[in-house]
Amino acid sequence: QVQLVESGGGLVQAGGSLKLSCAASERRNTMGWFRQAPGKERQFVAGISWNDGNTYYADSVKGRFTISRDNAKNTVFLQMNSLKPEDTGRYYCAAGSSGAFGSTWQRSYDYWGQGTQVTVSS
C-alpha cells in the first residue's frame, strides 16, 4: 500500500504562487496531481514519469504550473504560479503504474493522498 501525504496548500491572492509537495512511501512509475472544486468532479492537473521525468499537463494550467520530483526524497512537487480564482480546490496527489502516464482519467491511478486545500482570492 503506497501512502501519499500532501502539503503546501493555503490561501493566496490571484496572481500569487504556491508550491505543493507530495511525499510518497514508495515510488510508482507515474505520479499525478488532480484537483476538485466544490460541487465539481475531480479533474487532472499534471503528471510525471518518475523514471525519466517526462511531464504532461491539463491545458488550463500549461505555462503556469510545473510538476517535478526529487528522487532522493521520494517527493513530487507542483509549483503553481499566476494563480487564478478558478484554481481553487482541494489538490490530490496520485500514484499509478507506467500505464497511467498520459492519462487524465483518475481511474488510471491506484493510490491517492488525502489532499490539501488551495484557495485563490480575487
N, C-alpha and C. Protein backbone atom coordinates (compact mmCIF):
# COMPACT_ATOMS: atom_id res chain seq x y z
N GLN A 1 0.85 -1.18 0.00
CA GLN A 1 0.00 0.00 0.00
C GLN A 1 0.89 1.24 0.00
N VAL A 2 0.74 2.06 -1.02
CA VAL A 2 1.52 3.29 -1.12
C VAL A 2 0.80 4.39 -0.34
N GLN A 3 1.54 5.07 0.49
CA GLN A 3 0.98 6.20 1.24
C GLN A 3 1.50 7.50 0.63
N LEU A 4 0.57 8.43 0.43
CA LEU A 4 0.90 9.72 -0.15
C LEU A 4 0.42 10.82 0.79
N VAL A 5 1.30 11.75 1.10
CA VAL A 5 0.96 12.83 2.02
C VAL A 5 1.25 14.17 1.35
N GLU A 6 0.18 14.94 1.14
CA GLU A 6 0.32 16.24 0.51
C GLU A 6 0.51 17.34 1.56
N SER A 7 1.16 18.41 1.15
CA SER A 7 1.30 19.60 1.99
C SER A 7 1.54 20.81 1.10
N GLY A 8 1.43 21.99 1.71
CA GLY A 8 1.75 23.21 0.99
C GLY A 8 0.57 24.05 0.54
N GLY A 9 -0.63 23.56 0.77
CA GLY A 9 -1.80 24.34 0.38
C GLY A 9 -1.98 25.56 1.27
N GLY A 10 -2.90 26.43 0.88
CA GLY A 10 -3.17 27.63 1.67
C GLY A 10 -4.01 28.62 0.92
N LEU A 11 -4.08 29.81 1.47
CA LEU A 11 -4.83 30.92 0.87
C LEU A 11 -3.86 31.88 0.21
N VAL A 12 -4.14 32.25 -1.03
CA VAL A 12 -3.25 33.14 -1.77
C VAL A 12 -4.10 34.06 -2.64
N GLN A 13 -3.59 35.25 -2.90
CA GLN A 13 -4.30 36.16 -3.78
C GLN A 13 -4.06 35.80 -5.24
N ALA A 14 -4.99 36.19 -6.08
CA ALA A 14 -4.84 35.96 -7.51
C ALA A 14 -3.52 36.57 -8.00
N GLY A 15 -2.82 35.82 -8.83
CA GLY A 15 -1.52 36.24 -9.31
C GLY A 15 -0.36 35.73 -8.48
N GLY A 16 -0.67 35.17 -7.33
CA GLY A 16 0.35 34.66 -6.44
C GLY A 16 0.79 33.25 -6.79
N SER A 17 1.64 32.68 -5.92
CA SER A 17 2.21 31.36 -6.16
C SER A 17 2.11 30.49 -4.91
N LEU A 18 2.07 29.19 -5.14
CA LEU A 18 2.14 28.19 -4.08
C LEU A 18 2.91 27.00 -4.62
N LYS A 19 3.55 26.27 -3.70
CA LYS A 19 4.24 25.04 -4.10
C LYS A 19 3.72 23.90 -3.23
N LEU A 20 3.11 22.93 -3.86
CA LEU A 20 2.61 21.75 -3.18
C LEU A 20 3.66 20.65 -3.19
N SER A 21 3.63 19.84 -2.14
CA SER A 21 4.53 18.69 -2.04
C SER A 21 3.72 17.44 -1.80
N CYS A 22 4.23 16.32 -2.29
CA CYS A 22 3.61 15.02 -2.07
C CYS A 22 4.72 14.04 -1.72
N ALA A 23 4.75 13.61 -0.47
CA ALA A 23 5.73 12.64 -0.01
C ALA A 23 5.16 11.24 -0.17
N ALA A 24 5.89 10.38 -0.88
CA ALA A 24 5.42 9.02 -1.16
C ALA A 24 6.21 8.01 -0.35
N SER A 25 5.51 7.00 0.19
CA SER A 25 6.18 5.95 0.97
C SER A 25 7.02 5.05 0.06
N GLU A 26 6.64 4.97 -1.20
CA GLU A 26 7.43 4.26 -2.20
C GLU A 26 7.07 4.79 -3.57
N ARG A 27 7.96 4.55 -4.52
CA ARG A 27 7.72 5.11 -5.85
C ARG A 27 6.79 4.25 -6.67
N ARG A 28 6.01 4.91 -7.46
CA ARG A 28 5.28 4.28 -8.55
C ARG A 28 5.66 5.03 -9.82
N ASN A 29 5.59 4.38 -10.96
CA ASN A 29 6.13 4.96 -12.18
C ASN A 29 5.54 6.31 -12.52
N THR A 30 4.23 6.45 -12.34
CA THR A 30 3.56 7.69 -12.71
C THR A 30 2.97 8.36 -11.47
N MET A 31 3.25 9.63 -11.35
CA MET A 31 2.69 10.44 -10.26
C MET A 31 1.88 11.56 -10.88
N GLY A 32 0.80 11.92 -10.23
CA GLY A 32 -0.05 12.96 -10.78
C GLY A 32 -0.66 13.84 -9.71
N TRP A 33 -1.13 14.99 -10.17
CA TRP A 33 -1.90 15.89 -9.32
C TRP A 33 -3.28 16.07 -9.96
N PHE A 34 -4.29 16.00 -9.13
CA PHE A 34 -5.66 16.27 -9.52
C PHE A 34 -6.21 17.34 -8.57
N ARG A 35 -7.31 17.95 -8.96
CA ARG A 35 -7.96 18.90 -8.06
C ARG A 35 -9.47 18.77 -8.17
N GLN A 36 -10.13 19.17 -7.09
CA GLN A 36 -11.59 19.08 -7.06
C GLN A 36 -12.15 20.32 -6.40
N ALA A 37 -12.97 21.05 -7.14
CA ALA A 37 -13.66 22.22 -6.60
C ALA A 37 -15.00 21.76 -6.03
N PRO A 38 -15.56 22.51 -5.09
CA PRO A 38 -16.85 22.13 -4.51
C PRO A 38 -17.92 21.94 -5.58
N GLY A 39 -18.60 20.82 -5.51
CA GLY A 39 -19.68 20.55 -6.44
C GLY A 39 -19.25 20.13 -7.83
N LYS A 40 -17.95 19.94 -8.02
CA LYS A 40 -17.45 19.55 -9.33
C LYS A 40 -16.69 18.24 -9.24
N GLU A 41 -16.49 17.62 -10.40
CA GLU A 41 -15.74 16.38 -10.45
C GLU A 41 -14.24 16.65 -10.30
N ARG A 42 -13.55 15.64 -9.82
CA ARG A 42 -12.11 15.74 -9.72
C ARG A 42 -11.52 15.77 -11.13
N GLN A 43 -10.58 16.69 -11.34
CA GLN A 43 -10.01 16.84 -12.67
C GLN A 43 -8.48 16.76 -12.64
N PHE A 44 -7.93 16.28 -13.72
CA PHE A 44 -6.49 16.13 -13.85
C PHE A 44 -5.82 17.50 -13.94
N VAL A 45 -4.63 17.61 -13.33
CA VAL A 45 -3.84 18.84 -13.40
C VAL A 45 -2.50 18.60 -14.09
N ALA A 46 -1.72 17.64 -13.58
CA ALA A 46 -0.39 17.40 -14.13
C ALA A 46 0.07 16.00 -13.76
N GLY A 47 0.97 15.44 -14.59
CA GLY A 47 1.52 14.13 -14.32
C GLY A 47 2.99 14.08 -14.68
N ILE A 48 3.71 13.14 -14.05
CA ILE A 48 5.13 13.00 -14.29
C ILE A 48 5.53 11.53 -14.22
N SER A 49 6.46 11.16 -15.09
CA SER A 49 7.04 9.83 -15.04
C SER A 49 8.23 9.86 -14.09
N TRP A 50 8.18 9.00 -13.06
CA TRP A 50 9.26 9.08 -12.08
C TRP A 50 10.59 8.65 -12.68
N ASN A 51 10.57 7.75 -13.62
CA ASN A 51 11.83 7.23 -14.17
C ASN A 51 12.57 8.25 -15.03
N ASP A 52 11.87 8.89 -15.97
CA ASP A 52 12.57 9.78 -16.89
C ASP A 52 12.19 11.25 -16.75
N GLY A 53 11.25 11.55 -15.88
CA GLY A 53 10.89 12.95 -15.64
C GLY A 53 10.00 13.58 -16.68
N ASN A 54 9.53 12.79 -17.65
CA ASN A 54 8.60 13.35 -18.64
C ASN A 54 7.33 13.82 -17.96
N THR A 55 6.76 14.91 -18.47
CA THR A 55 5.60 15.52 -17.83
C THR A 55 4.48 15.77 -18.83
N TYR A 56 3.27 15.93 -18.32
CA TYR A 56 2.15 16.35 -19.15
C TYR A 56 1.18 17.12 -18.26
N TYR A 57 0.42 18.04 -18.90
CA TYR A 57 -0.40 18.98 -18.15
C TYR A 57 -1.79 19.13 -18.76
N ALA A 58 -2.72 19.54 -17.92
CA ALA A 58 -4.01 19.98 -18.42
C ALA A 58 -3.82 21.32 -19.13
N ASP A 59 -4.60 21.55 -20.17
CA ASP A 59 -4.46 22.80 -20.92
C ASP A 59 -4.65 24.02 -20.03
N SER A 60 -5.50 23.90 -19.04
CA SER A 60 -5.83 25.05 -18.20
C SER A 60 -4.67 25.53 -17.33
N VAL A 61 -3.64 24.69 -17.16
CA VAL A 61 -2.52 25.08 -16.29
C VAL A 61 -1.19 25.15 -17.03
N LYS A 62 -1.17 24.81 -18.30
CA LYS A 62 0.08 24.86 -19.07
C LYS A 62 0.68 26.26 -19.04
N GLY A 63 1.98 26.32 -18.79
CA GLY A 63 2.66 27.61 -18.74
C GLY A 63 2.61 28.27 -17.37
N ARG A 64 1.75 27.76 -16.49
CA ARG A 64 1.64 28.34 -15.14
C ARG A 64 2.09 27.37 -14.05
N PHE A 65 1.82 26.08 -14.23
CA PHE A 65 2.15 25.06 -13.24
C PHE A 65 3.31 24.22 -13.75
N THR A 66 4.13 23.75 -12.80
CA THR A 66 5.24 22.86 -13.13
C THR A 66 5.28 21.71 -12.14
N ILE A 67 5.27 20.49 -12.66
CA ILE A 67 5.39 19.31 -11.81
C ILE A 67 6.84 18.83 -11.88
N SER A 68 7.37 18.40 -10.74
CA SER A 68 8.75 17.92 -10.69
C SER A 68 8.86 16.88 -9.59
N ARG A 69 10.02 16.21 -9.55
CA ARG A 69 10.19 15.21 -8.48
C ARG A 69 11.60 15.27 -7.94
N ASP A 70 11.73 14.81 -6.70
CA ASP A 70 13.02 14.69 -6.02
C ASP A 70 13.21 13.21 -5.71
N ASN A 71 14.07 12.57 -6.47
CA ASN A 71 14.25 11.13 -6.32
C ASN A 71 14.75 10.75 -4.93
N ALA A 72 15.65 11.55 -4.41
CA ALA A 72 16.27 11.22 -3.12
C ALA A 72 15.25 11.25 -1.98
N LYS A 73 14.23 12.10 -2.13
CA LYS A 73 13.25 12.27 -1.05
C LYS A 73 11.92 11.61 -1.37
N ASN A 74 11.83 10.92 -2.51
CA ASN A 74 10.55 10.31 -2.91
C ASN A 74 9.41 11.32 -2.83
N THR A 75 9.66 12.51 -3.31
CA THR A 75 8.69 13.59 -3.21
C THR A 75 8.43 14.20 -4.59
N VAL A 76 7.16 14.48 -4.84
CA VAL A 76 6.75 15.14 -6.06
C VAL A 76 6.21 16.52 -5.70
N PHE A 77 6.49 17.49 -6.55
CA PHE A 77 6.10 18.87 -6.29
C PHE A 77 5.17 19.38 -7.39
N LEU A 78 4.39 20.38 -7.03
CA LEU A 78 3.61 21.12 -8.02
C LEU A 78 3.79 22.60 -7.73
N GLN A 79 4.59 23.25 -8.57
CA GLN A 79 4.78 24.69 -8.45
C GLN A 79 3.68 25.38 -9.23
N MET A 80 2.93 26.24 -8.54
CA MET A 80 1.78 26.90 -9.15
C MET A 80 2.01 28.40 -9.14
N ASN A 81 2.11 28.97 -10.32
CA ASN A 81 2.32 30.41 -10.47
C ASN A 81 1.13 31.05 -11.16
N SER A 82 1.05 32.37 -11.06
CA SER A 82 -0.04 33.12 -11.71
C SER A 82 -1.39 32.51 -11.38
N LEU A 83 -1.60 32.24 -10.12
CA LEU A 83 -2.83 31.56 -9.70
C LEU A 83 -4.06 32.41 -9.97
N LYS A 84 -5.15 31.71 -10.30
CA LYS A 84 -6.43 32.34 -10.61
C LYS A 84 -7.49 31.81 -9.64
N PRO A 85 -8.55 32.56 -9.42
CA PRO A 85 -9.62 32.05 -8.54
C PRO A 85 -10.16 30.69 -8.98
N GLU A 86 -10.17 30.44 -10.27
CA GLU A 86 -10.67 29.15 -10.75
C GLU A 86 -9.71 27.99 -10.46
N ASP A 87 -8.53 28.27 -9.94
CA ASP A 87 -7.62 27.21 -9.50
C ASP A 87 -7.97 26.71 -8.09
N THR A 88 -8.92 27.36 -7.46
CA THR A 88 -9.33 26.97 -6.11
C THR A 88 -9.87 25.56 -6.10
N GLY A 89 -9.46 24.79 -5.08
CA GLY A 89 -9.96 23.43 -4.93
C GLY A 89 -9.07 22.64 -4.00
N ARG A 90 -9.46 21.40 -3.79
CA ARG A 90 -8.63 20.50 -3.00
C ARG A 90 -7.74 19.75 -3.98
N TYR A 91 -6.44 19.79 -3.73
CA TYR A 91 -5.47 19.18 -4.62
C TYR A 91 -5.03 17.83 -4.07
N TYR A 92 -5.11 16.82 -4.91
CA TYR A 92 -4.79 15.46 -4.53
C TYR A 92 -3.58 14.95 -5.31
N CYS A 93 -2.71 14.25 -4.61
CA CYS A 93 -1.60 13.55 -5.23
C CYS A 93 -2.04 12.12 -5.52
N ALA A 94 -1.59 11.58 -6.64
CA ALA A 94 -1.97 10.23 -7.03
C ALA A 94 -0.76 9.49 -7.60
N ALA A 95 -0.78 8.16 -7.45
CA ALA A 95 0.30 7.32 -7.96
C ALA A 95 -0.27 6.18 -8.77
N GLY A 96 0.41 5.87 -9.86
CA GLY A 96 -0.06 4.80 -10.72
C GLY A 96 1.08 4.10 -11.42
N SER A 97 0.76 3.10 -12.19
CA SER A 97 1.75 2.34 -12.94
C SER A 97 2.17 3.13 -14.19
N SER A 98 3.08 2.54 -14.95
CA SER A 98 3.53 3.20 -16.17
C SER A 98 2.39 3.40 -17.16
N GLY A 99 1.39 2.54 -17.06
CA GLY A 99 0.25 2.67 -17.95
C GLY A 99 -0.59 3.91 -17.70
N ALA A 100 -0.41 4.52 -16.55
CA ALA A 100 -1.18 5.72 -16.23
C ALA A 100 -0.62 6.96 -16.90
N PHE A 101 0.64 6.90 -17.33
CA PHE A 101 1.25 8.09 -17.88
C PHE A 101 0.54 8.53 -19.15
N GLY A 102 0.21 9.81 -19.20
CA GLY A 102 -0.51 10.36 -20.33
C GLY A 102 -2.02 10.36 -20.15
N SER A 103 -2.49 9.63 -19.15
CA SER A 103 -3.93 9.58 -18.90
C SER A 103 -4.36 10.73 -17.99
N THR A 104 -5.50 11.29 -18.29
CA THR A 104 -6.09 12.31 -17.43
C THR A 104 -7.26 11.74 -16.62
N TRP A 105 -7.43 10.44 -16.72
CA TRP A 105 -8.55 9.76 -16.08
C TRP A 105 -8.15 9.31 -14.70
N GLN A 106 -8.88 9.72 -13.68
CA GLN A 106 -8.46 9.39 -12.31
C GLN A 106 -8.43 7.89 -12.06
N ARG A 107 -9.23 7.13 -12.76
CA ARG A 107 -9.23 5.69 -12.52
C ARG A 107 -7.95 5.02 -13.01
N SER A 108 -7.13 5.76 -13.75
CA SER A 108 -5.85 5.20 -14.18
C SER A 108 -4.84 5.15 -13.03
N TYR A 109 -5.14 5.88 -11.95
CA TYR A 109 -4.24 5.95 -10.81
C TYR A 109 -4.74 5.04 -9.69
N ASP A 110 -3.79 4.42 -8.97
CA ASP A 110 -4.14 3.39 -8.00
C ASP A 110 -4.19 3.89 -6.55
N TYR A 111 -3.39 4.90 -6.24
CA TYR A 111 -3.25 5.35 -4.86
C TYR A 111 -3.46 6.86 -4.79
N TRP A 112 -4.05 7.29 -3.69
CA TRP A 112 -4.40 8.70 -3.53
C TRP A 112 -4.07 9.20 -2.13
N GLY A 113 -3.67 10.47 -2.07
CA GLY A 113 -3.50 11.12 -0.78
C GLY A 113 -4.81 11.71 -0.30
N GLN A 114 -4.75 12.37 0.86
CA GLN A 114 -5.95 12.97 1.45
C GLN A 114 -6.23 14.36 0.90
N GLY A 115 -5.26 14.95 0.26
CA GLY A 115 -5.48 16.25 -0.37
C GLY A 115 -5.04 17.42 0.50
N THR A 116 -4.83 18.55 -0.16
CA THR A 116 -4.50 19.80 0.52
C THR A 116 -5.29 20.91 -0.16
N GLN A 117 -5.86 21.81 0.65
CA GLN A 117 -6.75 22.83 0.12
C GLN A 117 -5.96 24.02 -0.41
N VAL A 118 -6.35 24.47 -1.60
CA VAL A 118 -5.80 25.69 -2.20
C VAL A 118 -6.96 26.64 -2.46
N THR A 119 -6.85 27.83 -1.93
CA THR A 119 -7.88 28.84 -2.14
C THR A 119 -7.24 30.10 -2.71
N VAL A 120 -7.74 30.54 -3.86
CA VAL A 120 -7.21 31.73 -4.52
C VAL A 120 -8.28 32.81 -4.47
N SER A 121 -7.97 33.90 -3.82
CA SER A 121 -8.93 35.00 -3.69
C SER A 121 -8.74 36.01 -4.82
N SER A 122 -9.83 36.61 -5.22
CA SER A 122 -9.78 37.57 -6.33
C SER A 122 -9.50 38.98 -5.83
